[in-house]
Protein backbone atom coordinates (compact mmCIF):
# COMPACT_ATOMS: atom_id res chain seq x y z
CA MET A 1 -3.44 51.07 -98.32
CA SER A 2 -2.36 52.36 -101.32
CA VAL A 3 0.77 51.08 -103.39
CA ASN A 4 1.82 54.56 -104.19
CA LYS A 5 5.31 55.14 -102.15
CA GLN A 6 3.96 58.69 -101.57
CA GLY A 7 1.12 56.80 -99.43
CA ASN A 8 -2.55 57.68 -98.76
CA GLN A 9 -3.88 61.15 -99.10
CA TYR A 10 -7.67 62.01 -97.92
CA VAL A 11 -10.26 65.11 -98.44
CA LEU A 12 -13.28 65.46 -96.79
CA ALA A 13 -16.55 64.18 -98.60
CA GLU A 14 -19.70 63.11 -97.61
CA THR A 15 -21.67 59.84 -97.53
CA ALA A 16 -24.92 59.09 -99.75
CA SER A 17 -26.83 60.81 -96.79
CA GLY A 18 -24.98 63.09 -96.45
CA ILE A 19 -22.58 62.32 -93.50
CA PRO A 20 -19.27 63.77 -92.98
CA THR A 21 -16.55 61.12 -94.20
CA PHE A 22 -13.17 60.98 -96.50
CA LYS A 23 -12.27 60.36 -99.92
CA HIS A 24 -9.17 58.63 -100.77
CA ILE A 25 -7.69 60.97 -103.62
CA GLU A 26 -5.83 58.42 -105.30
CA THR A 27 -8.32 55.53 -105.55
CA ASN A 28 -11.43 57.80 -105.33
CA GLU A 29 -13.29 55.61 -103.03
CA ILE A 30 -15.39 57.25 -100.90
CA LEU A 31 -14.34 55.69 -96.94
CA HIS A 32 -17.75 54.37 -95.44
CA GLY A 33 -19.76 55.66 -98.14
CA GLN A 34 -23.05 54.17 -97.11
CA VAL A 35 -24.00 55.00 -93.50
CA GLY A 36 -20.83 56.86 -92.40
CA PRO A 37 -17.37 55.68 -90.63
CA TYR A 38 -18.45 55.04 -87.30
CA GLU A 39 -21.80 53.67 -87.61
CA GLU A 40 -19.99 51.28 -90.48
CA ALA A 41 -17.39 50.22 -87.89
CA TYR A 42 -19.64 49.36 -84.91
CA ASN A 43 -22.12 47.61 -87.08
CA LEU A 44 -19.96 45.73 -89.26
CA TYR A 45 -17.15 45.02 -86.82
CA VAL A 46 -17.90 45.40 -83.32
CA LYS A 47 -20.83 43.77 -83.67
CA SER A 48 -20.38 40.67 -85.82
CA SER A 49 -16.83 40.22 -83.75
CA SER A 50 -18.82 40.12 -80.71
CA ILE A 51 -16.33 41.63 -78.62
CA GLU A 52 -19.11 43.38 -76.38
CA ASN A 53 -19.62 39.71 -75.04
CA PHE A 54 -15.84 38.72 -74.64
CA ALA A 55 -14.51 37.82 -71.25
CA GLN A 56 -10.40 37.68 -72.22
CA ASN A 57 -7.83 39.80 -73.51
CA ILE A 58 -8.23 40.62 -77.18
CA VAL A 59 -6.04 41.20 -80.03
CA ILE A 60 -7.27 43.09 -83.20
CA TYR A 61 -5.75 43.56 -86.29
CA ASP A 62 -6.69 46.80 -87.85
CA LEU A 63 -6.17 46.11 -91.61
CA GLY A 64 -6.14 49.44 -93.81
CA MET A 65 -6.26 52.03 -90.65
CA GLY A 66 -7.57 54.50 -92.97
CA CYS A 67 -9.02 57.49 -90.88
CA GLY A 68 -9.29 55.41 -87.71
CA ALA A 69 -12.89 54.30 -87.56
CA GLN A 70 -12.54 50.76 -86.59
CA ILE A 71 -9.57 51.66 -83.64
CA ILE A 72 -12.41 54.49 -82.12
CA ALA A 73 -15.20 51.97 -81.97
CA MET A 74 -13.25 48.89 -81.32
CA TYR A 75 -11.73 51.08 -78.36
CA ASN A 76 -15.19 52.77 -77.11
CA ALA A 77 -16.44 49.00 -76.96
CA PHE A 78 -13.52 48.07 -74.84
CA LEU A 79 -14.36 50.84 -72.18
CA LYS A 80 -17.91 49.47 -72.17
CA ASN A 81 -17.34 46.10 -71.43
CA LYS A 82 -15.58 45.71 -68.42
CA LYS A 83 -14.78 42.06 -68.38
CA ILE A 84 -11.84 42.25 -70.79
CA PRO A 85 -8.47 43.03 -69.05
CA LYS A 86 -6.43 43.91 -72.02
CA LEU A 87 -7.22 45.18 -75.43
CA THR A 88 -4.70 45.35 -77.67
CA ILE A 89 -5.19 46.63 -81.53
CA VAL A 90 -2.48 46.38 -83.95
CA SER A 91 -3.42 48.71 -86.87
CA PHE A 92 -1.41 48.28 -90.50
CA ASP A 93 -0.88 51.20 -92.96
CA LEU A 94 1.27 53.03 -95.09
CA GLU A 95 1.20 55.99 -92.46
CA LYS A 96 -1.11 58.18 -90.84
CA GLN A 97 -2.84 60.62 -93.08
CA GLY A 98 -6.22 59.02 -92.36
CA LEU A 99 -5.70 59.50 -88.58
CA ILE A 100 -4.27 63.39 -89.43
CA ALA A 101 -7.03 64.05 -91.74
CA LEU A 102 -9.93 62.86 -88.72
CA LEU A 103 -7.96 65.16 -86.46
CA LYS A 104 -7.69 68.10 -88.61
CA ASN A 105 -11.51 68.02 -89.00
CA ILE A 106 -13.00 66.53 -85.85
CA GLN A 107 -15.56 69.08 -85.41
CA LEU A 108 -17.31 67.38 -88.19
CA PHE A 109 -17.13 63.96 -86.05
CA PRO A 110 -18.72 63.84 -83.17
CA TYR A 111 -17.85 60.11 -82.80
CA ALA A 112 -14.33 61.39 -82.04
CA PHE A 113 -14.52 64.02 -79.75
CA GLU A 114 -13.95 62.57 -75.99
CA PHE A 115 -11.00 60.54 -78.24
CA GLU A 116 -9.12 63.44 -79.34
CA ILE A 117 -6.49 63.23 -76.84
CA LEU A 118 -5.87 59.28 -78.29
CA LEU A 119 -6.19 60.25 -81.78
CA LYS A 120 -3.01 62.82 -80.98
CA LYS A 121 -0.94 60.20 -79.02
CA CYS A 122 -1.90 57.55 -81.82
CA ILE A 123 -0.43 60.25 -84.66
CA GLU A 124 2.86 61.64 -82.26
CA GLN A 125 3.95 57.44 -81.36
CA ASN A 126 3.79 54.05 -83.26
CA HIS A 127 3.55 52.26 -79.55
CA ILE A 128 0.97 53.28 -76.75
CA SER A 129 -0.17 51.20 -73.46
CA HIS A 130 -1.68 52.66 -70.73
CA PHE A 131 -4.13 51.68 -68.13
CA LEU A 132 -7.37 52.78 -67.50
CA ASP A 133 -8.99 54.15 -63.51
CA ASP A 134 -9.90 50.62 -63.25
CA GLY A 135 -7.11 48.20 -63.76
CA ARG A 136 -7.65 47.39 -67.23
CA GLU A 137 -5.15 48.16 -69.93
CA PHE A 138 -4.99 49.16 -73.70
CA GLU A 139 -2.25 49.00 -75.98
CA TRP A 140 -1.67 50.07 -79.79
CA ILE A 141 0.86 49.22 -82.09
CA PHE A 142 1.40 50.91 -85.55
CA ILE A 143 2.72 48.83 -88.15
CA GLU A 144 3.78 51.30 -90.88
CA GLY A 145 4.15 49.74 -94.74
CA ASP A 146 2.61 47.54 -97.06
CA PHE A 147 1.15 45.12 -95.27
CA VAL A 148 2.14 41.94 -97.56
CA LYS A 149 5.28 42.53 -96.84
CA THR A 150 4.96 44.25 -93.19
CA ILE A 151 3.22 40.84 -92.18
CA LYS A 152 6.00 38.99 -92.93
CA ILE A 153 8.61 41.49 -91.67
CA PHE A 154 7.32 41.74 -88.38
CA GLU A 155 6.86 37.87 -88.06
CA GLY A 156 6.96 36.86 -84.23
CA LYS A 157 6.84 40.92 -83.52
CA PHE A 158 3.60 40.87 -82.62
CA PRO A 159 0.75 38.83 -81.20
CA PHE A 160 -1.91 36.49 -83.11
CA ALA A 161 -4.94 38.20 -83.40
CA ASP A 162 -8.35 37.40 -81.96
CA ILE A 163 -10.39 40.03 -84.40
CA VAL A 164 -9.59 41.14 -88.02
CA CYS A 165 -10.83 43.99 -89.13
CA TYR A 166 -10.04 43.55 -92.96
CA ASP A 167 -10.91 47.17 -94.04
CA PHE A 168 -8.47 47.69 -97.07
CA PHE A 169 -9.38 49.57 -100.23
CA SER A 170 -11.42 47.59 -102.71
CA PRO A 171 -9.94 44.50 -104.66
CA ALA A 172 -10.74 46.22 -107.68
CA SER A 173 -8.54 48.91 -106.80
CA HIS A 174 -5.76 47.16 -104.83
CA PRO A 175 -5.94 43.71 -106.04
CA HIS A 176 -2.52 42.76 -104.34
CA LEU A 177 -4.04 42.56 -100.85
CA TRP A 178 -6.73 40.37 -101.70
CA THR A 179 -4.81 37.41 -102.61
CA TYR A 180 -5.07 33.57 -101.80
CA GLU A 181 -1.19 33.78 -100.45
CA VAL A 182 -2.45 36.94 -98.39
CA PHE A 183 -5.28 35.13 -96.79
CA LEU A 184 -3.02 32.15 -96.08
CA ASN A 185 -0.42 34.22 -93.86
CA LEU A 186 -2.60 36.36 -92.12
CA LYS A 187 -4.78 32.89 -91.14
CA ASN A 188 -0.83 31.90 -89.76
CA HIS A 189 -1.04 35.01 -87.51
CA MET A 190 -4.71 34.04 -86.20
CA ASN A 191 -5.58 32.51 -82.84
CA PRO A 192 -8.25 29.45 -82.42
CA LYS A 193 -11.60 30.90 -82.42
CA SER A 194 -10.52 34.02 -84.37
CA LYS A 195 -13.05 35.83 -86.98
CA LEU A 196 -11.60 37.86 -90.23
CA ILE A 197 -14.69 40.42 -90.70
CA THR A 198 -14.62 42.51 -94.14
CA TYR A 199 -17.20 44.40 -95.65
CA SER A 200 -16.27 42.88 -99.14
CA SER A 201 -18.65 40.75 -100.73
CA ALA A 202 -16.87 39.95 -103.57
CA THR A 203 -16.86 36.20 -105.03
CA CYS A 204 -12.94 35.98 -105.56
CA VAL A 205 -12.40 37.39 -101.82
CA ARG A 206 -14.74 34.70 -100.59
CA ALA A 207 -12.91 32.12 -103.06
CA ALA A 208 -9.15 32.98 -101.98
CA MET A 209 -10.17 32.74 -98.35
CA LEU A 210 -12.19 29.56 -98.42
CA ALA A 211 -8.74 28.27 -99.98
CA ALA A 212 -6.87 29.83 -97.77
CA GLY A 213 -8.34 27.12 -94.90
CA PHE A 214 -10.66 29.33 -93.85
CA PHE A 215 -14.80 28.61 -93.24
CA VAL A 216 -17.14 31.36 -94.90
CA GLY A 217 -20.07 33.20 -94.29
CA PHE A 218 -22.13 36.15 -94.78
CA GLY A 219 -21.83 38.94 -92.75
CA PRO A 220 -23.96 41.89 -91.96
CA LEU A 221 -25.37 44.21 -94.70
CA SER A 222 -22.87 47.17 -94.98
CA GLY A 223 -24.98 50.39 -95.54
CA LYS A 224 -26.94 49.48 -98.93
CA LYS A 225 -24.31 47.37 -100.35
CA ALA A 226 -24.69 43.21 -100.34
CA LYS A 227 -23.86 41.51 -97.11
CA SER A 228 -20.48 41.05 -95.94
CA THR A 229 -18.00 38.48 -95.31
CA ILE A 230 -16.65 37.08 -92.05
CA ALA A 231 -14.37 34.10 -92.11
CA ALA A 232 -13.36 31.79 -88.87
CA SER A 233 -11.51 28.87 -88.17
CA SER A 234 -14.49 26.42 -87.73
CA LEU A 235 -17.55 26.42 -89.23
CA ASN A 236 -19.81 26.89 -85.71
CA LEU A 237 -18.17 30.12 -85.27
CA LEU A 238 -20.43 31.79 -88.51
CA GLU A 239 -23.94 32.51 -88.05
CA GLU A 240 -24.53 32.28 -91.70
CA PRO A 241 -22.20 30.23 -93.42
CA LEU A 242 -21.82 30.42 -97.43
CA PRO A 243 -24.58 27.45 -98.38
CA LEU A 244 -23.30 24.78 -101.08
CA SER A 245 -25.05 26.46 -103.72
CA TRP A 246 -22.47 29.51 -103.66
CA GLN A 247 -20.24 26.86 -105.47
CA THR A 248 -22.48 27.96 -108.56
CA THR A 249 -22.43 31.65 -107.73
CA PHE A 250 -18.82 30.99 -108.21
CA TYR A 251 -18.38 29.00 -111.10
CA ARG A 252 -20.67 31.37 -113.12
CA SER A 253 -18.77 34.48 -111.89
CA GLY A 254 -16.66 36.28 -114.69
CA ALA A 255 -14.53 37.50 -111.62
CA LYS A 256 -13.79 34.09 -110.05
CA PHE A 257 -10.33 34.89 -108.87
CA CYS A 258 -8.36 38.45 -107.86
CA SER A 259 -6.79 40.01 -110.77
CA VAL A 260 -3.56 39.70 -109.69
CA GLU A 261 -3.80 36.07 -108.44
CA SER A 262 -0.95 33.69 -109.92
CA GLU A 263 -1.82 30.47 -112.01
CA VAL A 264 -0.61 28.60 -109.91
CA SER A 265 -2.97 30.02 -107.05
CA GLN A 266 -5.90 29.71 -109.05
CA GLN A 267 -5.54 26.58 -109.44
CA THR A 268 -5.16 25.75 -105.58
CA ILE A 269 -8.21 27.65 -105.30
CA LEU A 270 -10.28 25.69 -107.76
CA GLU A 271 -9.05 22.19 -106.01
CA ALA A 272 -9.81 23.71 -102.95
CA LEU A 273 -13.24 25.08 -103.24
CA ASN A 274 -14.48 20.86 -104.63
CA SER A 275 -13.41 19.45 -101.11
CA HIS A 276 -13.67 21.85 -98.46
CA PRO A 277 -15.04 20.86 -95.38
CA GLN A 278 -17.35 23.57 -95.21
CA TRP A 279 -19.52 21.29 -97.91
CA PHE A 280 -19.42 18.31 -95.84
CA PRO A 281 -20.07 19.24 -92.40
CA ILE A 282 -19.44 16.51 -89.56
């Protein structure tokens, strides 16, 4: 998600292994640049969220909708897991240029073929709701604008999240989306036993999440990158929590804080990391 008022623009690109994907023109970032859009969305967000094992209504926040890989991967998981009565995906982005780019070049993305009609509806409408033949319901809501503002503007207008796919552009290019305040606000829109999943392995991101009240752990490798990050409301929801020794990593880091983090927030993060219950499990 860009702060550019004109929104995001994408062009075709390839991953390091030659898989078709897209490049964000403004930041020059390659989307899902290691393993490709669908494989990363499935391995990182679907598998880490355990949605394939759920047996309840699920609400997903798709933060940084981009070219729709998370929507398709999660919708596909919903189709396969018939124990989920209803899936709601709330997508946040500046606009829908990523979906338009995917639809325009759909012949290069086989994972999207069977969802072409769904993509067209998502481009044409901001709210979709339909029932499957087995009576289960799918709902998609699009929230347009800068997430930092829209999460506040639309307070109470959409359900709280069970799963958060945090897929905004990197902290280096869009630091305002990775601050302590953003994660604190987001936590207030998440249900108990929820998970926040992101590709980022940045020390400043993990520190901000811890300070916001999350328990934080390592997630799966995202392509050839370092391990991803999973944050949750309780320690027992994490398979591999950050160890106490991670504090050494934090204090040695030359980028302890997001570049736009306020001095007040920096102090809050420092104080929170020293006394966080993650280091003192009951």
